[in-house]
Amino acid sequence: MAVGQEVSAGMFSFQDFAKPQVKSLIGALIVTVSTMVGSWATPLLAYVFALMALVMIIVVTLFSPAWPSQSKKENALVFSLFWGLMLGVIAPYLISKFLEGGFAAVFEILTSEP
């Protein structure tokens, strides 16, 4: 690859991505931990967090990008809520499946039909 040549995959360019702000990462970590703890505490909170995750998917799709680019910083609140909820809702499920059946159970999630 020549110097200065841009690596691209489809419509995205890898040079367009930037590192998120530290406050965004800390916020995402706080949201992730609180979502995981709340999901393990009661099914009602897990349901509320799942609904919030769906709302954040819509917000990110319509209004604000989920990841910063070279030209535009991310909104720290949107970034924290989106990535924190995504990790906090999905991670407990994957962890519980792994504890029940190991890598075979996690692999079965990926290969099973919906």
N, C-alpha and C. Protein backbone atom coordinates (compact mmCIF):
# COMPACT_ATOMS: atom_id res chain seq x y z
N MET A 1 0.84 -1.17 0.00
CA MET A 1 0.00 0.00 0.00
C MET A 1 0.89 1.24 0.00
N ALA A 2 0.59 2.19 -0.82
CA ALA A 2 1.40 3.39 -0.94
C ALA A 2 1.16 4.32 0.25
N VAL A 3 2.16 5.15 0.51
CA VAL A 3 2.06 6.10 1.60
C VAL A 3 0.94 7.10 1.29
N GLY A 4 0.09 7.33 2.25
CA GLY A 4 -1.01 8.25 2.08
C GLY A 4 -2.23 7.64 1.44
N GLN A 5 -2.14 6.37 1.05
CA GLN A 5 -3.30 5.71 0.45
C GLN A 5 -4.29 5.37 1.56
N GLU A 6 -5.51 5.60 1.29
CA GLU A 6 -6.56 5.42 2.29
C GLU A 6 -7.09 3.99 2.25
N VAL A 7 -7.21 3.40 3.43
CA VAL A 7 -7.79 2.06 3.54
C VAL A 7 -9.29 2.24 3.71
N SER A 8 -10.07 1.59 2.88
CA SER A 8 -11.51 1.74 3.00
C SER A 8 -12.17 0.37 2.92
N ALA A 9 -13.31 0.29 3.59
CA ALA A 9 -14.12 -0.92 3.55
C ALA A 9 -15.54 -0.49 3.24
N GLY A 10 -15.96 -0.70 2.03
CA GLY A 10 -17.30 -0.27 1.65
C GLY A 10 -17.39 1.24 1.65
N MET A 11 -18.38 1.77 2.38
CA MET A 11 -18.56 3.21 2.39
C MET A 11 -17.84 3.88 3.56
N PHE A 12 -17.18 3.09 4.42
CA PHE A 12 -16.47 3.65 5.56
C PHE A 12 -14.99 3.72 5.27
N SER A 13 -14.35 4.75 5.77
CA SER A 13 -12.92 4.89 5.65
C SER A 13 -12.32 4.80 7.05
N PHE A 14 -11.31 3.94 7.21
CA PHE A 14 -10.74 3.75 8.53
C PHE A 14 -10.01 4.99 9.03
N GLN A 15 -9.60 5.87 8.13
CA GLN A 15 -8.95 7.10 8.55
C GLN A 15 -9.94 8.11 9.11
N ASP A 16 -11.22 7.91 8.86
CA ASP A 16 -12.23 8.83 9.37
C ASP A 16 -12.51 8.62 10.85
N PHE A 17 -12.18 7.46 11.39
CA PHE A 17 -12.46 7.18 12.79
C PHE A 17 -11.45 7.87 13.69
N ALA A 18 -11.91 8.27 14.86
CA ALA A 18 -11.06 8.92 15.85
C ALA A 18 -11.28 8.26 17.20
N LYS A 19 -10.38 8.55 18.13
CA LYS A 19 -10.55 8.02 19.48
C LYS A 19 -11.62 8.82 20.21
N PRO A 20 -12.46 8.12 20.98
CA PRO A 20 -13.46 8.84 21.77
C PRO A 20 -12.81 9.61 22.91
N GLN A 21 -13.53 10.58 23.42
CA GLN A 21 -13.05 11.36 24.55
C GLN A 21 -13.04 10.49 25.80
N VAL A 22 -12.17 10.82 26.74
CA VAL A 22 -12.05 10.05 27.98
C VAL A 22 -13.35 10.08 28.76
N LYS A 23 -14.01 11.25 28.79
CA LYS A 23 -15.27 11.33 29.54
C LYS A 23 -16.35 10.43 28.93
N SER A 24 -16.30 10.24 27.61
CA SER A 24 -17.25 9.34 26.96
C SER A 24 -17.00 7.90 27.36
N LEU A 25 -15.73 7.51 27.40
CA LEU A 25 -15.38 6.14 27.79
C LEU A 25 -15.72 5.86 29.25
N ILE A 26 -15.45 6.82 30.11
CA ILE A 26 -15.79 6.65 31.54
C ILE A 26 -17.30 6.56 31.70
N GLY A 27 -18.04 7.39 31.00
CA GLY A 27 -19.50 7.35 31.04
C GLY A 27 -20.03 6.02 30.56
N ALA A 28 -19.45 5.50 29.47
CA ALA A 28 -19.88 4.20 28.95
C ALA A 28 -19.60 3.09 29.95
N LEU A 29 -18.46 3.16 30.63
CA LEU A 29 -18.14 2.16 31.65
C LEU A 29 -19.12 2.20 32.80
N ILE A 30 -19.48 3.40 33.24
CA ILE A 30 -20.44 3.55 34.34
C ILE A 30 -21.81 3.00 33.92
N VAL A 31 -22.25 3.34 32.72
CA VAL A 31 -23.55 2.85 32.23
C VAL A 31 -23.51 1.33 32.07
N THR A 32 -22.41 0.78 31.57
CA THR A 32 -22.29 -0.66 31.40
C THR A 32 -22.41 -1.39 32.73
N VAL A 33 -21.66 -0.93 33.72
CA VAL A 33 -21.67 -1.59 35.03
C VAL A 33 -23.05 -1.47 35.69
N SER A 34 -23.64 -0.29 35.63
CA SER A 34 -24.96 -0.13 36.26
C SER A 34 -26.03 -0.94 35.52
N THR A 35 -25.92 -1.06 34.21
CA THR A 35 -26.87 -1.87 33.44
C THR A 35 -26.72 -3.35 33.79
N MET A 36 -25.48 -3.80 33.88
CA MET A 36 -25.25 -5.21 34.22
C MET A 36 -25.77 -5.52 35.62
N VAL A 37 -25.46 -4.66 36.58
CA VAL A 37 -25.92 -4.90 37.96
C VAL A 37 -27.44 -4.84 38.03
N GLY A 38 -28.03 -3.86 37.38
CA GLY A 38 -29.48 -3.75 37.38
C GLY A 38 -30.16 -4.92 36.69
N SER A 39 -29.56 -5.41 35.62
CA SER A 39 -30.13 -6.56 34.91
C SER A 39 -30.08 -7.82 35.75
N TRP A 40 -29.01 -7.97 36.50
CA TRP A 40 -28.89 -9.14 37.37
C TRP A 40 -29.78 -9.02 38.60
N ALA A 41 -30.10 -7.78 39.00
CA ALA A 41 -30.90 -7.56 40.21
C ALA A 41 -32.37 -7.93 40.01
N THR A 42 -32.94 -7.47 38.91
CA THR A 42 -34.36 -7.72 38.69
C THR A 42 -34.67 -7.75 37.19
N PRO A 43 -35.56 -8.62 36.78
CA PRO A 43 -35.94 -8.68 35.37
C PRO A 43 -36.61 -7.40 34.87
N LEU A 44 -37.29 -6.69 35.74
CA LEU A 44 -37.94 -5.44 35.33
C LEU A 44 -36.90 -4.41 34.87
N LEU A 45 -35.81 -4.29 35.62
CA LEU A 45 -34.76 -3.36 35.20
C LEU A 45 -34.11 -3.82 33.90
N ALA A 46 -33.94 -5.12 33.73
CA ALA A 46 -33.38 -5.64 32.49
C ALA A 46 -34.27 -5.26 31.31
N TYR A 47 -35.57 -5.35 31.49
CA TYR A 47 -36.53 -4.98 30.45
C TYR A 47 -36.43 -3.49 30.14
N VAL A 48 -36.35 -2.65 31.17
CA VAL A 48 -36.23 -1.20 30.99
C VAL A 48 -34.94 -0.86 30.25
N PHE A 49 -33.83 -1.50 30.64
CA PHE A 49 -32.56 -1.24 29.96
C PHE A 49 -32.60 -1.70 28.51
N ALA A 50 -33.25 -2.80 28.23
CA ALA A 50 -33.38 -3.27 26.84
C ALA A 50 -34.19 -2.28 26.02
N LEU A 51 -35.26 -1.74 26.59
CA LEU A 51 -36.05 -0.72 25.88
C LEU A 51 -35.24 0.55 25.66
N MET A 52 -34.46 0.93 26.67
CA MET A 52 -33.59 2.11 26.50
C MET A 52 -32.57 1.88 25.40
N ALA A 53 -32.05 0.66 25.30
CA ALA A 53 -31.09 0.34 24.25
C ALA A 53 -31.74 0.48 22.87
N LEU A 54 -32.98 0.04 22.74
CA LEU A 54 -33.69 0.20 21.46
C LEU A 54 -33.89 1.67 21.12
N VAL A 55 -34.23 2.46 22.11
CA VAL A 55 -34.39 3.91 21.89
C VAL A 55 -33.06 4.53 21.47
N MET A 56 -31.97 4.10 22.10
CA MET A 56 -30.66 4.67 21.75
C MET A 56 -30.24 4.27 20.34
N ILE A 57 -30.63 3.08 19.89
CA ILE A 57 -30.35 2.69 18.51
C ILE A 57 -31.05 3.66 17.55
N ILE A 58 -32.28 4.02 17.86
CA ILE A 58 -33.02 4.97 17.01
C ILE A 58 -32.37 6.35 17.07
N VAL A 59 -31.99 6.80 18.26
CA VAL A 59 -31.35 8.12 18.41
C VAL A 59 -30.06 8.18 17.60
N VAL A 60 -29.23 7.15 17.73
CA VAL A 60 -27.96 7.13 17.00
C VAL A 60 -28.19 7.08 15.50
N THR A 61 -29.19 6.33 15.08
CA THR A 61 -29.47 6.21 13.66
C THR A 61 -29.96 7.54 13.07
N LEU A 62 -30.78 8.26 13.80
CA LEU A 62 -31.40 9.46 13.26
C LEU A 62 -30.62 10.75 13.51
N PHE A 63 -29.98 10.88 14.68
CA PHE A 63 -29.47 12.19 15.07
C PHE A 63 -27.96 12.30 15.23
N SER A 64 -27.34 11.35 15.86
CA SER A 64 -25.94 11.52 16.23
C SER A 64 -25.17 10.24 15.96
N PRO A 65 -23.96 10.34 15.44
CA PRO A 65 -23.19 9.12 15.19
C PRO A 65 -22.77 8.43 16.49
N ALA A 66 -22.57 7.13 16.43
CA ALA A 66 -22.22 6.35 17.61
C ALA A 66 -20.72 6.36 17.87
N TRP A 67 -19.94 6.85 16.92
CA TRP A 67 -18.49 6.86 17.08
C TRP A 67 -17.96 8.17 16.50
N PRO A 68 -16.94 8.77 17.12
CA PRO A 68 -16.41 10.03 16.60
C PRO A 68 -15.64 9.84 15.30
N SER A 69 -15.57 10.90 14.54
CA SER A 69 -14.76 10.89 13.31
C SER A 69 -13.71 11.99 13.43
N GLN A 70 -12.84 12.06 12.46
CA GLN A 70 -11.80 13.09 12.47
C GLN A 70 -12.41 14.49 12.41
N SER A 71 -13.55 14.62 11.75
CA SER A 71 -14.15 15.93 11.56
C SER A 71 -15.14 16.31 12.65
N LYS A 72 -15.64 15.34 13.41
CA LYS A 72 -16.67 15.64 14.40
C LYS A 72 -16.50 14.78 15.65
N LYS A 73 -16.46 15.44 16.81
CA LYS A 73 -16.40 14.71 18.07
C LYS A 73 -17.76 14.11 18.37
N GLU A 74 -17.73 13.06 19.18
CA GLU A 74 -18.99 12.43 19.58
C GLU A 74 -19.67 13.24 20.68
N ASN A 75 -20.97 13.09 20.77
CA ASN A 75 -21.72 13.63 21.89
C ASN A 75 -21.47 12.66 23.05
N ALA A 76 -20.87 13.15 24.14
CA ALA A 76 -20.46 12.27 25.23
C ALA A 76 -21.64 11.52 25.85
N LEU A 77 -22.78 12.18 25.98
CA LEU A 77 -23.95 11.53 26.58
C LEU A 77 -24.49 10.43 25.67
N VAL A 78 -24.62 10.71 24.39
CA VAL A 78 -25.14 9.72 23.44
C VAL A 78 -24.17 8.55 23.34
N PHE A 79 -22.88 8.82 23.24
CA PHE A 79 -21.88 7.76 23.16
C PHE A 79 -21.94 6.88 24.40
N SER A 80 -21.96 7.50 25.58
CA SER A 80 -21.97 6.74 26.84
C SER A 80 -23.21 5.87 26.97
N LEU A 81 -24.36 6.45 26.68
CA LEU A 81 -25.59 5.67 26.79
C LEU A 81 -25.65 4.56 25.75
N PHE A 82 -25.30 4.86 24.51
CA PHE A 82 -25.40 3.84 23.46
C PHE A 82 -24.46 2.67 23.74
N TRP A 83 -23.17 2.93 23.87
CA TRP A 83 -22.21 1.84 24.05
C TRP A 83 -22.35 1.19 25.42
N GLY A 84 -22.68 1.96 26.45
CA GLY A 84 -22.89 1.38 27.77
C GLY A 84 -24.07 0.44 27.80
N LEU A 85 -25.17 0.84 27.17
CA LEU A 85 -26.35 -0.04 27.12
C LEU A 85 -26.11 -1.25 26.23
N MET A 86 -25.43 -1.06 25.11
CA MET A 86 -25.15 -2.20 24.24
C MET A 86 -24.32 -3.25 24.98
N LEU A 87 -23.26 -2.81 25.63
CA LEU A 87 -22.42 -3.76 26.37
C LEU A 87 -23.12 -4.29 27.61
N GLY A 88 -23.85 -3.43 28.31
CA GLY A 88 -24.51 -3.83 29.54
C GLY A 88 -25.68 -4.77 29.34
N VAL A 89 -26.33 -4.71 28.18
CA VAL A 89 -27.46 -5.59 27.91
C VAL A 89 -26.97 -6.92 27.31
N ILE A 90 -25.98 -6.85 26.44
CA ILE A 90 -25.51 -8.05 25.75
C ILE A 90 -24.53 -8.86 26.60
N ALA A 91 -23.63 -8.20 27.32
CA ALA A 91 -22.59 -8.91 28.08
C ALA A 91 -23.15 -9.87 29.13
N PRO A 92 -24.16 -9.49 29.93
CA PRO A 92 -24.66 -10.46 30.92
C PRO A 92 -25.21 -11.73 30.27
N TYR A 93 -25.86 -11.59 29.14
CA TYR A 93 -26.40 -12.75 28.43
C TYR A 93 -25.26 -13.66 27.97
N LEU A 94 -24.23 -13.08 27.37
CA LEU A 94 -23.11 -13.88 26.91
C LEU A 94 -22.35 -14.52 28.07
N ILE A 95 -22.20 -13.80 29.16
CA ILE A 95 -21.51 -14.34 30.34
C ILE A 95 -22.29 -15.51 30.92
N SER A 96 -23.61 -15.35 31.05
CA SER A 96 -24.41 -16.44 31.61
C SER A 96 -24.39 -17.67 30.70
N LYS A 97 -24.44 -17.47 29.39
CA LYS A 97 -24.35 -18.60 28.46
C LYS A 97 -22.99 -19.29 28.56
N PHE A 98 -21.93 -18.49 28.71
CA PHE A 98 -20.59 -19.06 28.83
C PHE A 98 -20.46 -19.86 30.13
N LEU A 99 -21.01 -19.34 31.22
CA LEU A 99 -20.94 -20.05 32.50
C LEU A 99 -21.75 -21.35 32.47
N GLU A 100 -22.84 -21.36 31.71
CA GLU A 100 -23.67 -22.56 31.61
C GLU A 100 -23.03 -23.64 30.74
N GLY A 101 -22.46 -23.25 29.60
CA GLY A 101 -22.00 -24.27 28.66
C GLY A 101 -20.66 -24.03 28.02
N GLY A 102 -19.93 -23.01 28.44
CA GLY A 102 -18.62 -22.73 27.88
C GLY A 102 -18.69 -22.13 26.49
N PHE A 103 -17.58 -22.28 25.76
CA PHE A 103 -17.50 -21.69 24.42
C PHE A 103 -18.50 -22.32 23.45
N ALA A 104 -18.83 -23.57 23.68
CA ALA A 104 -19.79 -24.24 22.80
C ALA A 104 -21.16 -23.56 22.86
N ALA A 105 -21.57 -23.15 24.06
CA ALA A 105 -22.87 -22.48 24.20
C ALA A 105 -22.86 -21.10 23.54
N VAL A 106 -21.75 -20.37 23.68
CA VAL A 106 -21.65 -19.06 23.03
C VAL A 106 -21.61 -19.21 21.52
N PHE A 107 -20.89 -20.21 21.03
CA PHE A 107 -20.83 -20.46 19.60
C PHE A 107 -22.20 -20.86 19.06
N GLU A 108 -22.97 -21.58 19.86
CA GLU A 108 -24.31 -21.98 19.45
C GLU A 108 -25.22 -20.76 19.26
N ILE A 109 -25.03 -19.73 20.06
CA ILE A 109 -25.80 -18.48 19.91
C ILE A 109 -25.54 -17.91 18.52
N LEU A 110 -24.29 -17.91 18.12
CA LEU A 110 -23.93 -17.30 16.84
C LEU A 110 -24.37 -18.15 15.65
N THR A 111 -24.44 -19.45 15.82
CA THR A 111 -24.76 -20.31 14.69
C THR A 111 -26.23 -20.75 14.63
N SER A 112 -26.98 -20.54 15.69
CA SER A 112 -28.39 -20.98 15.70
C SER A 112 -29.24 -20.04 14.86
N GLU A 113 -30.34 -20.56 14.39
CA GLU A 113 -31.26 -19.74 13.59
C GLU A 113 -32.10 -18.90 14.54
N PRO A 114 -32.50 -17.71 14.09
CA PRO A 114 -33.28 -16.81 14.98
C PRO A 114 -34.66 -17.33 15.32
